């Protein structure tokens, strides 16, 4: 029941979906995100217990990146604000360099 967070880069080429909050079986903070090329996606939709990126059919490689942050790891991003700042810095990097 966490809010889906979505954002696209300034040039519109990259985007991400993310969640942050208590979503582990230990009831502690976990942030998860997927970065994707917007041109490769046909839709972003909600499943019964998750959020999905549906990629367009293709025979070419599709580039995407996955990241996560758990509040109990060393140097953890412990708040949603810290996690979003991290995601937005990576989105800026994708916007300018087209890779991570």
PDB file of N, CA and C in Angstrom:
ATOM      1  N   UNK A   1       0.811  -1.207   0.000  1.00  0.00           N
ATOM      2  CA  UNK A   1       0.000   0.000   0.000  1.00  0.00           C
ATOM      3  C   UNK A   1       0.849   1.264   0.000  1.00  0.00           C
ATOM      4  N   UNK A   2       2.036   1.179  -0.576  1.00  0.00           N
ATOM      5  CA  UNK A   2       2.895   2.354  -0.639  1.00  0.00           C
ATOM      6  C   UNK A   2       2.607   3.169  -1.892  1.00  0.00           C
ATOM      7  N   UNK A   3       2.809   4.462  -1.757  1.00  0.00           N
ATOM      8  CA  UNK A   3       2.644   5.372  -2.883  1.00  0.00           C
ATOM      9  C   UNK A   3       3.668   5.058  -3.977  1.00  0.00           C
ATOM     10  N   UNK A   4       3.196   5.018  -5.223  1.00  0.00           N
ATOM     11  CA  UNK A   4       4.097   4.882  -6.363  1.00  0.00           C
ATOM     12  C   UNK A   4       4.662   6.252  -6.681  1.00  0.00           C
ATOM     13  N   UNK A   5       5.976   6.328  -6.753  1.00  0.00           N
ATOM     14  CA  UNK A   5       6.667   7.569  -7.086  1.00  0.00           C
ATOM     15  C   UNK A   5       7.167   7.434  -8.518  1.00  0.00           C
ATOM     16  N   UNK A   6       6.864   8.415  -9.369  1.00  0.00           N
ATOM     17  CA  UNK A   6       7.294   8.387 -10.763  1.00  0.00           C
ATOM     18  C   UNK A   6       7.898   9.723 -11.135  1.00  0.00           C
ATOM     19  N   UNK A   7       8.920   9.671 -11.983  1.00  0.00           N
ATOM     20  CA  UNK A   7       9.514  10.910 -12.470  1.00  0.00           C
ATOM     21  C   UNK A   7      10.189  10.643 -13.804  1.00  0.00           C
ATOM     22  N   UNK A   8      10.211  11.664 -14.663  1.00  0.00           N
ATOM     23  CA  UNK A   8      10.936  11.596 -15.933  1.00  0.00           C
ATOM     24  C   UNK A   8      12.046  12.634 -15.922  1.00  0.00           C
ATOM     25  N   UNK A   9      13.112  12.355 -16.678  1.00  0.00           N
ATOM     26  CA  UNK A   9      14.239  13.278 -16.767  1.00  0.00           C
ATOM     27  C   UNK A   9      13.835  14.536 -17.527  1.00  0.00           C
ATOM     28  N   UNK A  10      14.671  15.563 -17.444  1.00  0.00           N
ATOM     29  CA  UNK A  10      14.381  16.845 -18.089  1.00  0.00           C
ATOM     30  C   UNK A  10      14.172  16.695 -19.592  1.00  0.00           C
ATOM     31  N   UNK A  11      14.916  15.796 -20.220  1.00  0.00           N
ATOM     32  CA  UNK A  11      14.761  15.607 -21.664  1.00  0.00           C
ATOM     33  C   UNK A  11      13.701  14.569 -22.010  1.00  0.00           C
ATOM     34  N   UNK A  12      13.106  13.952 -20.998  1.00  0.00           N
ATOM     35  CA  UNK A  12      12.031  12.991 -21.219  1.00  0.00           C
ATOM     36  C   UNK A  12      12.484  11.625 -21.687  1.00  0.00           C
ATOM     37  N   UNK A  13      13.785  11.417 -21.818  1.00  0.00           N
ATOM     38  CA  UNK A  13      14.289  10.145 -22.346  1.00  0.00           C
ATOM     39  C   UNK A  13      14.297   9.036 -21.294  1.00  0.00           C
ATOM     40  N   UNK A  14      14.498   9.389 -20.039  1.00  0.00           N
ATOM     41  CA  UNK A  14      14.576   8.425 -18.949  1.00  0.00           C
ATOM     42  C   UNK A  14      13.508   8.704 -17.908  1.00  0.00           C
ATOM     43  N   UNK A  15      13.115   7.674 -17.199  1.00  0.00           N
ATOM     44  CA  UNK A  15      12.180   7.826 -16.102  1.00  0.00           C
ATOM     45  C   UNK A  15      12.467   6.794 -15.039  1.00  0.00           C
ATOM     46  N   UNK A  16      11.760   6.930 -13.916  1.00  0.00           N
ATOM     47  CA  UNK A  16      11.843   5.881 -12.903  1.00  0.00           C
ATOM     48  C   UNK A  16      10.506   5.713 -12.222  1.00  0.00           C
ATOM     49  N   UNK A  17      10.319   4.511 -11.678  1.00  0.00           N
ATOM     50  CA  UNK A  17       9.251   4.267 -10.720  1.00  0.00           C
ATOM     51  C   UNK A  17       9.936   3.813  -9.442  1.00  0.00           C
ATOM     52  N   UNK A  18       9.346   4.171  -8.302  1.00  0.00           N
ATOM     53  CA  UNK A  18       9.972   3.847  -7.028  1.00  0.00           C
ATOM     54  C   UNK A  18       8.915   3.740  -5.938  1.00  0.00           C
ATOM     55  N   UNK A  19       9.290   3.048  -4.883  1.00  0.00           N
ATOM     56  CA  UNK A  19       8.519   3.017  -3.647  1.00  0.00           C
ATOM     57  C   UNK A  19       9.501   3.159  -2.496  1.00  0.00           C
ATOM     58  N   UNK A  20       8.995   3.667  -1.382  1.00  0.00           N
ATOM     59  CA  UNK A  20       9.830   3.784  -0.187  1.00  0.00           C
ATOM     60  C   UNK A  20       8.945   3.617   1.034  1.00  0.00           C
ATOM     61  N   UNK A  21       9.420   2.821   1.983  1.00  0.00           N
ATOM     62  CA  UNK A  21       8.690   2.653   3.238  1.00  0.00           C
ATOM     63  C   UNK A  21       8.809   1.243   3.760  1.00  0.00           C
ATOM     64  N   UNK A  22       7.897   0.885   4.638  1.00  0.00           N
ATOM     65  CA  UNK A  22       7.900  -0.446   5.237  1.00  0.00           C
ATOM     66  C   UNK A  22       7.345  -1.444   4.233  1.00  0.00           C
ATOM     67  N   UNK A  23       8.250  -2.132   3.558  1.00  0.00           N
ATOM     68  CA  UNK A  23       7.829  -3.100   2.546  1.00  0.00           C
ATOM     69  C   UNK A  23       8.661  -4.376   2.589  1.00  0.00           C
ATOM     70  N   UNK A  24       9.257  -4.627   3.749  1.00  0.00           N
ATOM     71  CA  UNK A  24       9.961  -5.896   3.924  1.00  0.00           C
ATOM     72  C   UNK A  24       9.266  -6.683   5.030  1.00  0.00           C
ATOM     73  N   UNK A  25       9.579  -7.938   5.132  1.00  0.00           N
ATOM     74  CA  UNK A  25       8.931  -8.756   6.155  1.00  0.00           C
ATOM     75  C   UNK A  25       9.401  -8.399   7.559  1.00  0.00           C
ATOM     76  N   UNK A  26      10.412  -7.557   7.675  1.00  0.00           N
ATOM     77  CA  UNK A  26      10.912  -7.129   8.969  1.00  0.00           C
ATOM     78  C   UNK A  26      10.374  -5.761   9.367  1.00  0.00           C
ATOM     79  N   UNK A  27       9.463  -5.224   8.559  1.00  0.00           N
ATOM     80  CA  UNK A  27       8.790  -3.961   8.869  1.00  0.00           C
ATOM     81  C   UNK A  27       9.767  -2.813   9.055  1.00  0.00           C
ATOM     82  N   UNK A  28      10.755  -2.743   8.154  1.00  0.00           N
ATOM     83  CA  UNK A  28      11.698  -1.640   8.202  1.00  0.00           C
ATOM     84  C   UNK A  28      11.772  -0.963   6.835  1.00  0.00           C
ATOM     85  N   UNK A  29      12.426   0.174   6.788  1.00  0.00           N
ATOM     86  CA  UNK A  29      12.435   1.007   5.596  1.00  0.00           C
ATOM     87  C   UNK A  29      13.223   0.412   4.440  1.00  0.00           C
ATOM     88  N   UNK A  30      12.577   0.372   3.304  1.00  0.00           N
ATOM     89  CA  UNK A  30      13.201  -0.141   2.086  1.00  0.00           C
ATOM     90  C   UNK A  30      12.761   0.743   0.927  1.00  0.00           C
ATOM     91  N   UNK A  31      13.728   1.188   0.143  1.00  0.00           N
ATOM     92  CA  UNK A  31      13.441   1.934  -1.072  1.00  0.00           C
ATOM     93  C   UNK A  31      13.840   1.093  -2.269  1.00  0.00           C
ATOM     94  N   UNK A  32      12.974   1.024  -3.264  1.00  0.00           N
ATOM     95  CA  UNK A  32      13.277   0.273  -4.486  1.00  0.00           C
ATOM     96  C   UNK A  32      12.880   1.124  -5.686  1.00  0.00           C
ATOM     97  N   UNK A  33      13.695   1.038  -6.752  1.00  0.00           N
ATOM     98  CA  UNK A  33      13.405   1.827  -7.944  1.00  0.00           C
ATOM     99  C   UNK A  33      13.920   1.126  -9.189  1.00  0.00           C
ATOM    100  N   UNK A  34      13.270   1.415 -10.298  1.00  0.00           N
ATOM    101  CA  UNK A  34      13.706   0.959 -11.611  1.00  0.00           C
ATOM    102  C   UNK A  34      13.775   2.186 -12.514  1.00  0.00           C
ATOM    103  N   UNK A  35      14.932   2.397 -13.141  1.00  0.00           N
ATOM    104  CA  UNK A  35      15.109   3.431 -14.154  1.00  0.00           C
ATOM    105  C   UNK A  35      14.905   2.783 -15.512  1.00  0.00           C
ATOM    106  N   UNK A  36      14.264   3.482 -16.425  1.00  0.00           N
ATOM    107  CA  UNK A  36      13.977   2.908 -17.746  1.00  0.00           C
ATOM    108  C   UNK A  36      13.985   3.995 -18.821  1.00  0.00           C
ATOM    109  N   UNK A  37      14.274   3.573 -20.046  1.00  0.00           N
ATOM    110  CA  UNK A  37      14.164   4.476 -21.190  1.00  0.00           C
ATOM    111  C   UNK A  37      12.688   4.603 -21.549  1.00  0.00           C
ATOM    112  N   UNK A  38      12.184   5.798 -21.568  1.00  0.00           N
ATOM    113  CA  UNK A  38      10.747   5.998 -21.773  1.00  0.00           C
ATOM    114  C   UNK A  38      10.287   5.510 -23.146  1.00  0.00           C
ATOM    115  N   UNK A  39      11.146   5.595 -24.144  1.00  0.00           N
ATOM    116  CA  UNK A  39      10.749   5.168 -25.495  1.00  0.00           C
ATOM    117  C   UNK A  39      10.557   3.663 -25.596  1.00  0.00           C
ATOM    118  N   UNK A  40      11.092   2.897 -24.642  1.00  0.00           N
ATOM    119  CA  UNK A  40      10.994   1.438 -24.666  1.00  0.00           C
ATOM    120  C   UNK A  40       9.769   0.913 -23.918  1.00  0.00           C
ATOM    121  N   UNK A  41       9.009   1.810 -23.295  1.00  0.00           N
ATOM    122  CA  UNK A  41       7.918   1.396 -22.415  1.00  0.00           C
ATOM    123  C   UNK A  41       6.560   1.650 -23.067  1.00  0.00           C
ATOM    124  N   UNK A  42       5.702   0.637 -22.973  1.00  0.00           N
ATOM    125  CA  UNK A  42       4.340   0.839 -23.474  1.00  0.00           C
ATOM    126  C   UNK A  42       3.418   1.350 -22.377  1.00  0.00           C
ATOM    127  N   UNK A  43       3.653   0.931 -21.120  1.00  0.00           N
ATOM    128  CA  UNK A  43       2.845   1.455 -20.020  1.00  0.00           C
ATOM    129  C   UNK A  43       3.468   1.115 -18.669  1.00  0.00           C
ATOM    130  N   UNK A  44       3.083   1.896 -17.678  1.00  0.00           N
ATOM    131  CA  UNK A  44       3.375   1.604 -16.279  1.00  0.00           C
ATOM    132  C   UNK A  44       2.026   1.349 -15.639  1.00  0.00           C
ATOM    133  N   UNK A  45       1.895   0.203 -14.972  1.00  0.00           N
ATOM    134  CA  UNK A  45       0.586  -0.140 -14.408  1.00  0.00           C
ATOM    135  C   UNK A  45       0.731  -0.747 -13.025  1.00  0.00           C
ATOM    136  N   UNK A  46      -0.375  -0.758 -12.315  1.00  0.00           N
ATOM    137  CA  UNK A  46      -0.427  -1.351 -10.987  1.00  0.00           C
ATOM    138  C   UNK A  46      -0.873  -2.796 -11.088  1.00  0.00           C
ATOM    139  N   UNK A  47      -0.145  -3.666 -10.404  1.00  0.00           N
ATOM    140  CA  UNK A  47      -0.578  -5.034 -10.208  1.00  0.00           C
ATOM    141  C   UNK A  47      -1.289  -5.116  -8.872  1.00  0.00           C
ATOM    142  N   UNK A  48      -1.755  -6.294  -8.469  1.00  0.00           N
ATOM    143  CA  UNK A  48      -2.465  -6.403  -7.191  1.00  0.00           C
ATOM    144  C   UNK A  48      -1.578  -6.095  -5.984  1.00  0.00           C
ATOM    145  N   UNK A  49      -0.269  -6.365  -6.075  1.00  0.00           N
ATOM    146  CA  UNK A  49       0.640  -6.136  -4.956  1.00  0.00           C
ATOM    147  C   UNK A  49       1.915  -5.415  -5.360  1.00  0.00           C
ATOM    148  N   UNK A  50       1.954  -4.886  -6.584  1.00  0.00           N
ATOM    149  CA  UNK A  50       3.185  -4.282  -7.075  1.00  0.00           C
ATOM    150  C   UNK A  50       2.897  -3.301  -8.195  1.00  0.00           C
ATOM    151  N   UNK A  51       3.959  -2.721  -8.723  1.00  0.00           N
ATOM    152  CA  UNK A  51       3.874  -1.796  -9.841  1.00  0.00           C
ATOM    153  C   UNK A  51       4.723  -2.373 -10.961  1.00  0.00           C
ATOM    154  N   UNK A  52       4.246  -2.249 -12.188  1.00  0.00           N
ATOM    155  CA  UNK A  52       4.885  -2.911 -13.315  1.00  0.00           C
ATOM    156  C   UNK A  52       5.252  -1.937 -14.416  1.00  0.00           C
ATOM    157  N   UNK A  53       6.388  -2.190 -15.049  1.00  0.00           N
ATOM    158  CA  UNK A  53       6.773  -1.501 -16.268  1.00  0.00           C
ATOM    159  C   UNK A  53       6.593  -2.513 -17.389  1.00  0.00           C
ATOM    160  N   UNK A  54       5.767  -2.188 -18.355  1.00  0.00           N
ATOM    161  CA  UNK A  54       5.546  -3.075 -19.494  1.00  0.00           C
ATOM    162  C   UNK A  54       6.333  -2.505 -20.671  1.00  0.00           C
ATOM    163  N   UNK A  55       7.336  -3.269 -21.109  1.00  0.00           N
ATOM    164  CA  UNK A  55       8.169  -2.828 -22.224  1.00  0.00           C
ATOM    165  C   UNK A  55       7.521  -3.195 -23.545  1.00  0.00           C
ATOM    166  N   UNK A  56       7.768  -2.379 -24.562  1.00  0.00           N
ATOM    167  CA  UNK A  56       7.280  -2.654 -25.906  1.00  0.00           C
ATOM    168  C   UNK A  56       7.986  -3.889 -26.456  1.00  0.00           C
ATOM    169  N   UNK A  57       7.291  -4.678 -27.247  1.00  0.00           N
ATOM    170  CA  UNK A  57       7.962  -5.829 -27.870  1.00  0.00           C
ATOM    171  C   UNK A  57       9.094  -5.353 -28.783  1.00  0.00           C
ATOM    172  N   UNK A  58      10.231  -6.043 -28.702  1.00  0.00           N
ATOM    173  CA  UNK A  58      11.380  -5.683 -29.525  1.00  0.00           C
ATOM    174  C   UNK A  58      12.343  -6.859 -29.603  1.00  0.00           C
ATOM    175  N   UNK A  59      13.162  -6.856 -30.619  1.00  0.00           N
ATOM    176  CA  UNK A  59      14.235  -7.843 -30.719  1.00  0.00           C
ATOM    177  C   UNK A  59      15.570  -7.217 -30.324  1.00  0.00           C
ATOM    178  N   UNK A  60      15.555  -5.915 -30.000  1.00  0.00           N
ATOM    179  CA  UNK A  60      16.762  -5.204 -29.585  1.00  0.00           C
ATOM    180  C   UNK A  60      16.884  -5.208 -28.060  1.00  0.00           C
ATOM    181  N   UNK A  61      18.083  -4.969 -27.582  1.00  0.00           N
ATOM    182  CA  UNK A  61      18.320  -4.903 -26.137  1.00  0.00           C
ATOM    183  C   UNK A  61      17.560  -3.731 -25.522  1.00  0.00           C
ATOM    184  N   UNK A  62      17.053  -3.938 -24.330  1.00  0.00           N
ATOM    185  CA  UNK A  62      16.376  -2.899 -23.562  1.00  0.00           C
ATOM    186  C   UNK A  62      17.247  -2.582 -22.360  1.00  0.00           C
ATOM    187  N   UNK A  63      17.520  -1.307 -22.140  1.00  0.00           N
ATOM    188  CA  UNK A  63      18.363  -0.900 -21.026  1.00  0.00           C
ATOM    189  C   UNK A  63      17.503  -0.378 -19.889  1.00  0.00           C
ATOM    190  N   UNK A  64      17.764  -0.907 -18.707  1.00  0.00           N
ATOM    191  CA  UNK A  64      17.112  -0.419 -17.497  1.00  0.00           C
ATOM    192  C   UNK A  64      18.063  -0.656 -16.329  1.00  0.00           C
ATOM    193  N   UNK A  65      17.816   0.029 -15.231  1.00  0.00           N
ATOM    194  CA  UNK A  65      18.654  -0.086 -14.045  1.00  0.00           C
ATOM    195  C   UNK A  65      17.755  -0.252 -12.825  1.00  0.00           C
ATOM    196  N   UNK A  66      18.180  -1.094 -11.907  1.00  0.00           N
ATOM    197  CA  UNK A  66      17.463  -1.332 -10.663  1.00  0.00           C
ATOM    198  C   UNK A  66      18.328  -0.865  -9.503  1.00  0.00           C
ATOM    199  N   UNK A  67      17.717  -0.255  -8.507  1.00  0.00           N
ATOM    200  CA  UNK A  67      18.448   0.137  -7.305  1.00  0.00           C
ATOM    201  C   UNK A  67      17.553  -0.057  -6.091  1.00  0.00           C
ATOM    202  N   UNK A  68      18.185  -0.237  -4.959  1.00  0.00           N
ATOM    203  CA  UNK A  68      17.451  -0.390  -3.707  1.00  0.00           C
ATOM    204  C   UNK A  68      18.288   0.161  -2.560  1.00  0.00           C
ATOM    205  N   UNK A  69      17.608   0.531  -1.496  1.00  0.00           N
ATOM    206  CA  UNK A  69      18.276   1.002  -0.291  1.00  0.00           C
ATOM    207  C   UNK A  69      17.493   0.508   0.915  1.00  0.00           C
ATOM    208  N   UNK A  70      18.193  -0.125   1.834  1.00  0.00           N
ATOM    209  CA  UNK A  70      17.599  -0.659   3.051  1.00  0.00           C
ATOM    210  C   UNK A  70      18.138   0.130   4.226  1.00  0.00           C
ATOM    211  N   UNK A  71      17.277   0.555   5.118  1.00  0.00           N
ATOM    212  CA  UNK A  71      17.678   1.450   6.208  1.00  0.00           C
ATOM    213  C   UNK A  71      18.728   0.868   7.145  1.00  0.00           C
ATOM    214  N   UNK A  72      18.915  -0.445   7.146  1.00  0.00           N
ATOM    215  CA  UNK A  72      19.876  -1.048   8.062  1.00  0.00           C
ATOM    216  C   UNK A  72      21.225  -1.366   7.420  1.00  0.00           C
ATOM    217  N   UNK A  73      21.404  -0.980   6.167  1.00  0.00           N
ATOM    218  CA  UNK A  73      22.712  -1.188   5.555  1.00  0.00           C
ATOM    219  C   UNK A  73      23.646  -0.047   5.961  1.00  0.00           C
ATOM    220  N   UNK A  74      24.937  -0.278   5.809  1.00  0.00           N
ATOM    221  CA  UNK A  74      25.915   0.752   6.141  1.00  0.00           C
ATOM    222  C   UNK A  74      25.722   1.955   5.228  1.00  0.00           C
ATOM    223  N   UNK A  75      25.775   3.159   5.777  1.00  0.00           N
ATOM    224  CA  UNK A  75      25.596   4.417   5.033  1.00  0.00           C
ATOM    225  C   UNK A  75      24.244   4.461   4.323  1.00  0.00           C
ATOM    226  N   UNK A  76      23.236   3.957   4.972  1.00  0.00           N
ATOM    227  CA  UNK A  76      21.908   3.836   4.371  1.00  0.00           C
ATOM    228  C   UNK A  76      21.249   5.192   4.136  1.00  0.00           C
ATOM    229  N   UNK A  77      20.380   5.194   3.139  1.00  0.00           N
ATOM    230  CA  UNK A  77      19.462   6.309   2.918  1.00  0.00           C
ATOM    231  C   UNK A  77      18.231   5.987   3.768  1.00  0.00           C
ATOM    232  N   UNK A  78      18.031   6.711   4.847  1.00  0.00           N
ATOM    233  CA  UNK A  78      17.038   6.318   5.842  1.00  0.00           C
ATOM    234  C   UNK A  78      15.673   6.983   5.678  1.00  0.00           C
ATOM    235  N   UNK A  79      15.592   8.018   4.872  1.00  0.00           N
ATOM    236  CA  UNK A  79      14.307   8.701   4.702  1.00  0.00           C
ATOM    237  C   UNK A  79      13.924   8.716   3.223  1.00  0.00           C
ATOM    238  N   UNK A  80      12.646   8.938   2.990  1.00  0.00           N
ATOM    239  CA  UNK A  80      12.184   9.038   1.607  1.00  0.00           C
ATOM    240  C   UNK A  80      12.855  10.211   0.901  1.00  0.00           C
ATOM    241  N   UNK A  81      13.045  11.311   1.604  1.00  0.00           N
ATOM    242  CA  UNK A  81      13.698  12.475   1.004  1.00  0.00           C
ATOM    243  C   UNK A  81      15.125  12.150   0.565  1.00  0.00           C
ATOM    244  N   UNK A  82      15.896  11.451   1.398  1.00  0.00           N
ATOM    245  CA  UNK A  82      17.259  11.057   1.026  1.00  0.00           C
ATOM    246  C   UNK A  82      17.237  10.119  -0.187  1.00  0.00           C
ATOM    247  N   UNK A  83      16.298   9.184  -0.183  1.00  0.00           N
ATOM    248  CA  UNK A  83      16.191   8.242  -1.290  1.00  0.00           C
ATOM    249  C   UNK A  83      15.836   8.966  -2.587  1.00  0.00           C
ATOM    250  N   UNK A  84      14.886   9.895  -2.530  1.00  0.00           N
ATOM    251  CA  UNK A  84      14.501  10.639  -3.735  1.00  0.00           C
ATOM    252  C   UNK A  84      15.631  11.530  -4.232  1.00  0.00           C
ATOM    253  N   UNK A  85      16.389  12.130  -3.327  1.00  0.00           N
ATOM    254  CA  UNK A  85      17.551  12.922  -3.752  1.00  0.00           C
ATOM    255  C   UNK A  85      18.552  12.048  -4.499  1.00  0.00           C
ATOM    256  N   UNK A  86      18.783  10.840  -3.992  1.00  0.00           N
ATOM    257  CA  UNK A  86      19.670   9.889  -4.664  1.00  0.00           C
ATOM    258  C   UNK A  86      19.123   9.528  -6.047  1.00  0.00           C
ATOM    259  N   UNK A  87      17.841   9.184  -6.116  1.00  0.00           N
ATOM    260  CA  UNK A  87      17.236   8.822  -7.401  1.00  0.00           C
ATOM    261  C   UNK A  87      17.319   9.969  -8.398  1.00  0.00           C
ATOM    262  N   UNK A  88      17.029  11.174  -7.945  1.00  0.00           N
ATOM    263  CA  UNK A  88      17.051  12.320  -8.848  1.00  0.00           C
ATOM    264  C   UNK A  88      18.454  12.636  -9.342  1.00  0.00           C
ATOM    265  N   UNK A  89      19.474  12.396  -8.505  1.00  0.00           N
ATOM    266  CA  UNK A  89      20.851  12.598  -8.974  1.00  0.00           C
ATOM    267  C   UNK A  89      21.198  11.573 -10.051  1.00  0.00           C
ATOM    268  N   UNK A  90      20.731  10.339  -9.895  1.00  0.00           N
ATOM    269  CA  UNK A  90      20.968   9.308 -10.909  1.00  0.00           C
ATOM    270  C   UNK A  90      20.173   9.610 -12.181  1.00  0.00           C
ATOM    271  N   UNK A  91      18.978  10.143 -12.044  1.00  0.00           N
ATOM    272  CA  UNK A  91      18.184  10.526 -13.212  1.00  0.00           C
ATOM    273  C   UNK A  91      18.867  11.661 -13.969  1.00  0.00           C
ATOM    274  N   UNK A  92      19.458  12.613 -13.246  1.00  0.00           N
ATOM    275  CA  UNK A  92      20.226  13.687 -13.890  1.00  0.00           C
ATOM    276  C   UNK A  92      21.420  13.118 -14.648  1.00  0.00           C
ATOM    277  N   UNK A  93      22.068  12.116 -14.057  1.00  0.00           N
ATOM    278  CA  UNK A  93      23.202  11.475 -14.730  1.00  0.00           C
ATOM    279  C   UNK A  93      22.740  10.775 -16.009  1.00  0.00           C
ATOM    280  N   UNK A  94      21.627  10.067 -15.956  1.00  0.00           N
ATOM    281  CA  UNK A  94      21.084   9.434 -17.169  1.00  0.00           C
ATOM    282  C   UNK A  94      20.716  10.486 -18.205  1.00  0.00           C
ATOM    283  N   UNK A  95      20.157  11.597 -17.756  1.00  0.00           N
ATOM    284  CA  UNK A  95      19.753  12.679 -18.649  1.00  0.00           C
ATOM    285  C   UNK A  95      20.954  13.244 -19.409  1.00  0.00           C
ATOM    286  N   UNK A  96      22.097  13.360 -18.719  1.00  0.00           N
ATOM    287  CA  UNK A  96      23.265  13.972 -19.360  1.00  0.00           C
ATOM    288  C   UNK A  96      24.216  12.974 -20.026  1.00  0.00           C
ATOM    289  N   UNK A  97      24.346  11.761 -19.448  1.00  0.00           N
ATOM    290  CA  UNK A  97      25.338  10.799 -19.951  1.00  0.00           C
ATOM    291  C   UNK A  97      24.720   9.567 -20.613  1.00  0.00           C
ATOM    292  N   UNK A  98      23.425   9.381 -20.430  1.00  0.00           N
ATOM    293  CA  UNK A  98      22.687   8.267 -21.015  1.00  0.00           C
ATOM    294  C   UNK A  98      23.097   6.898 -20.455  1.00  0.00           C
ATOM    295  N   UNK A  99      23.799   6.880 -19.315  1.00  0.00           N
ATOM    296  CA  UNK A  99      24.095   5.626 -18.631  1.00  0.00           C
ATOM    297  C   UNK A  99      24.480   5.902 -17.183  1.00  0.00           C
ATOM    298  N   UNK A 100      24.511   4.855 -16.385  1.00  0.00           N
ATOM    299  CA  UNK A 100      24.917   4.964 -14.975  1.00  0.00           C
ATOM    300  C   UNK A 100      26.238   4.257 -14.776  1.00  0.00           C
TER     301      UNK A 100
END
